[in-house]
Amino acid sequence: MTDNVIPFADPNRDPVLDKLHQAHEDEAARLGVEFTHFGFASDENGICSKTTKGILDSSINLNTMKVSHSWISYEERAAAKNNKKGTCGNAPGKVRGIA
């Protein structure tokens, strides 16, 4: 086990982040893609990862604990950057730590 991983039984783990990360991984597996850069942008209720088919953006509603996902291809992301929309997922304004 690496030093930066908190075991699932540890009471210090955040159940919201656990659910978000698991759903993010499940969505990628469902679509048969591999992560090339997991969590390149994230915050307390969302995560963006680069995959073999594009960018997967997952976010969790803190009131309902429902996780939603959106995808953007690398071509769509490049077009959005050229238009200065700066999106992580499909909706404008969903940037989380993207330079």
C-alpha atoms as a PDB file:
ATOM      1  CA  MET A   1       0.000   0.000   0.000  1.00  0.00           C
ATOM      2  CA  THR A   2       1.309   3.472  -0.798  1.00  0.00           C
ATOM      3  CA  ASP A   3       1.591   6.159   1.858  1.00  0.00           C
ATOM      4  CA  ASN A   4      -0.960   8.486   0.275  1.00  0.00           C
ATOM      5  CA  VAL A   5      -3.821   5.964   0.126  1.00  0.00           C
ATOM      6  CA  ILE A   6      -6.314   5.903   3.003  1.00  0.00           C
ATOM      7  CA  PRO A   7      -7.754   2.399   3.559  1.00  0.00           C
ATOM      8  CA  PHE A   8     -11.522   2.055   3.002  1.00  0.00           C
ATOM      9  CA  ALA A   9     -12.016   1.085   6.667  1.00  0.00           C
ATOM     10  CA  ASP A  10     -10.418   4.348   7.851  1.00  0.00           C
ATOM     11  CA  PRO A  11     -13.021   6.669   9.459  1.00  0.00           C
ATOM     12  CA  ASN A  12     -11.155   9.674   7.997  1.00  0.00           C
ATOM     13  CA  ARG A  13     -12.180   8.789   4.430  1.00  0.00           C
ATOM     14  CA  ASP A  14     -14.784  11.051   2.887  1.00  0.00           C
ATOM     15  CA  PRO A  15     -17.820   8.966   1.828  1.00  0.00           C
ATOM     16  CA  VAL A  16     -18.854  11.638  -0.714  1.00  0.00           C
ATOM     17  CA  LEU A  17     -15.489  11.490  -2.475  1.00  0.00           C
ATOM     18  CA  ASP A  18     -15.492   7.691  -2.280  1.00  0.00           C
ATOM     19  CA  LYS A  19     -18.876   7.545  -4.008  1.00  0.00           C
ATOM     20  CA  LEU A  20     -17.829  10.125  -6.607  1.00  0.00           C
ATOM     21  CA  HIS A  21     -14.553   8.386  -7.448  1.00  0.00           C
ATOM     22  CA  GLN A  22     -16.182   4.943  -7.612  1.00  0.00           C
ATOM     23  CA  ALA A  23     -18.939   6.213  -9.918  1.00  0.00           C
ATOM     24  CA  HIS A  24     -16.291   7.946 -12.073  1.00  0.00           C
ATOM     25  CA  GLU A  25     -14.359   4.688 -12.425  1.00  0.00           C
ATOM     26  CA  ASP A  26     -17.557   2.696 -13.060  1.00  0.00           C
ATOM     27  CA  GLU A  27     -18.615   5.063 -15.863  1.00  0.00           C
ATOM     28  CA  ALA A  28     -15.249   4.710 -17.588  1.00  0.00           C
ATOM     29  CA  ALA A  29     -15.435   0.916 -17.279  1.00  0.00           C
ATOM     30  CA  ARG A  30     -19.031   0.891 -18.589  1.00  0.00           C
ATOM     31  CA  LEU A  31     -17.886   2.639 -21.752  1.00  0.00           C
ATOM     32  CA  GLY A  32     -14.717   0.591 -22.074  1.00  0.00           C
ATOM     33  CA  VAL A  33     -12.210   3.426 -21.798  1.00  0.00           C
ATOM     34  CA  GLU A  34      -8.968   3.640 -19.863  1.00  0.00           C
ATOM     35  CA  PHE A  35      -7.775   6.598 -17.837  1.00  0.00           C
ATOM     36  CA  THR A  36      -4.703   8.355 -19.157  1.00  0.00           C
ATOM     37  CA  HIS A  37      -4.711  11.074 -16.461  1.00  0.00           C
ATOM     38  CA  PHE A  38      -7.063  10.388 -13.550  1.00  0.00           C
ATOM     39  CA  GLY A  39      -8.269  13.476 -11.717  1.00  0.00           C
ATOM     40  CA  PHE A  40      -6.356  16.124 -13.642  1.00  0.00           C
ATOM     41  CA  ALA A  41      -8.918  18.603 -12.282  1.00  0.00           C
ATOM     42  CA  SER A  42     -11.141  18.200  -9.261  1.00  0.00           C
ATOM     43  CA  ASP A  43     -12.893  19.912  -6.392  1.00  0.00           C
ATOM     44  CA  GLU A  44     -15.062  18.834  -3.458  1.00  0.00           C
ATOM     45  CA  ASN A  45     -17.933  17.656  -5.668  1.00  0.00           C
ATOM     46  CA  GLY A  46     -16.429  16.904  -9.078  1.00  0.00           C
ATOM     47  CA  ILE A  47     -13.605  15.257 -10.945  1.00  0.00           C
ATOM     48  CA  CYS A  48     -12.330  15.430 -14.529  1.00  0.00           C
ATOM     49  CA  SER A  49     -10.102  12.760 -16.018  1.00  0.00           C
ATOM     50  CA  LYS A  50      -8.509  12.274 -19.405  1.00  0.00           C
ATOM     51  CA  THR A  51      -9.354   8.933 -21.021  1.00  0.00           C
ATOM     52  CA  THR A  52      -8.519   7.137 -24.232  1.00  0.00           C
ATOM     53  CA  LYS A  53     -11.696   8.594 -25.840  1.00  0.00           C
ATOM     54  CA  GLY A  54     -11.891  12.081 -24.350  1.00  0.00           C
ATOM     55  CA  ILE A  55     -12.501  13.790 -21.032  1.00  0.00           C
ATOM     56  CA  LEU A  56     -14.858  12.330 -18.451  1.00  0.00           C
ATOM     57  CA  ASP A  57     -16.405  14.855 -16.063  1.00  0.00           C
ATOM     58  CA  SER A  58     -18.268  13.484 -13.051  1.00  0.00           C
ATOM     59  CA  SER A  59     -19.991  15.529 -10.385  1.00  0.00           C
ATOM     60  CA  ILE A  60     -22.029  14.693  -7.318  1.00  0.00           C
ATOM     61  CA  ASN A  61     -25.064  16.552  -6.013  1.00  0.00           C
ATOM     62  CA  LEU A  62     -24.344  16.928  -2.299  1.00  0.00           C
ATOM     63  CA  ASN A  63     -28.058  17.055  -1.443  1.00  0.00           C
ATOM     64  CA  THR A  64     -29.127  13.913  -3.301  1.00  0.00           C
ATOM     65  CA  MET A  65     -25.748  12.116  -3.581  1.00  0.00           C
ATOM     66  CA  LYS A  66     -26.595  11.481  -7.255  1.00  0.00           C
ATOM     67  CA  VAL A  67     -23.568  11.356  -9.538  1.00  0.00           C
ATOM     68  CA  SER A  68     -23.849  12.628 -13.110  1.00  0.00           C
ATOM     69  CA  HIS A  69     -21.347  12.241 -15.931  1.00  0.00           C
ATOM     70  CA  SER A  70     -20.554  14.095 -19.116  1.00  0.00           C
ATOM     71  CA  TRP A  71     -18.044  13.426 -21.862  1.00  0.00           C
ATOM     72  CA  ILE A  72     -16.244  15.717 -24.255  1.00  0.00           C
ATOM     73  CA  SER A  73     -14.022  14.518 -27.068  1.00  0.00           C
ATOM     74  CA  TYR A  74     -10.574  16.016 -27.453  1.00  0.00           C
ATOM     75  CA  GLU A  75     -11.738  17.629 -30.701  1.00  0.00           C
ATOM     76  CA  GLU A  76     -14.726  19.260 -28.984  1.00  0.00           C
ATOM     77  CA  ARG A  77     -12.495  20.480 -26.156  1.00  0.00           C
ATOM     78  CA  ALA A  78     -10.032  22.007 -28.616  1.00  0.00           C
ATOM     79  CA  ALA A  79     -12.893  23.813 -30.374  1.00  0.00           C
ATOM     80  CA  ALA A  80     -14.223  25.071 -27.023  1.00  0.00           C
ATOM     81  CA  LYS A  81     -10.760  26.383 -26.114  1.00  0.00           C
ATOM     82  CA  ASN A  82     -10.522  28.126 -29.485  1.00  0.00           C
ATOM     83  CA  ASN A  83     -13.895  29.727 -28.777  1.00  0.00           C
ATOM     84  CA  LYS A  84     -12.692  30.542 -25.231  1.00  0.00           C
ATOM     85  CA  LYS A  85     -15.520  28.593 -23.617  1.00  0.00           C
ATOM     86  CA  GLY A  86     -13.091  26.670 -21.408  1.00  0.00           C
ATOM     87  CA  THR A  87     -15.085  23.588 -20.491  1.00  0.00           C
ATOM     88  CA  CYS A  88     -14.083  20.458 -18.672  1.00  0.00           C
ATOM     89  CA  GLY A  89     -17.266  18.615 -19.561  1.00  0.00           C
ATOM     90  CA  ASN A  90     -20.008  19.361 -22.070  1.00  0.00           C
ATOM     91  CA  ALA A  91     -21.475  22.421 -20.349  1.00  0.00           C
ATOM     92  CA  PRO A  92     -19.785  25.829 -20.515  1.00  0.00           C
ATOM     93  CA  GLY A  93     -18.472  27.083 -17.206  1.00  0.00           C
ATOM     94  CA  LYS A  94     -17.738  23.681 -15.672  1.00  0.00           C
ATOM     95  CA  VAL A  95     -14.002  24.339 -15.505  1.00  0.00           C
ATOM     96  CA  ARG A  96     -12.324  23.005 -12.394  1.00  0.00           C
ATOM     97  CA  GLY A  97      -8.633  23.802 -12.248  1.00  0.00           C
ATOM     98  CA  ILE A  98      -7.948  23.581 -15.976  1.00  0.00           C
ATOM     99  CA  ALA A  99      -5.247  25.869 -17.284  1.00  0.00           C
END
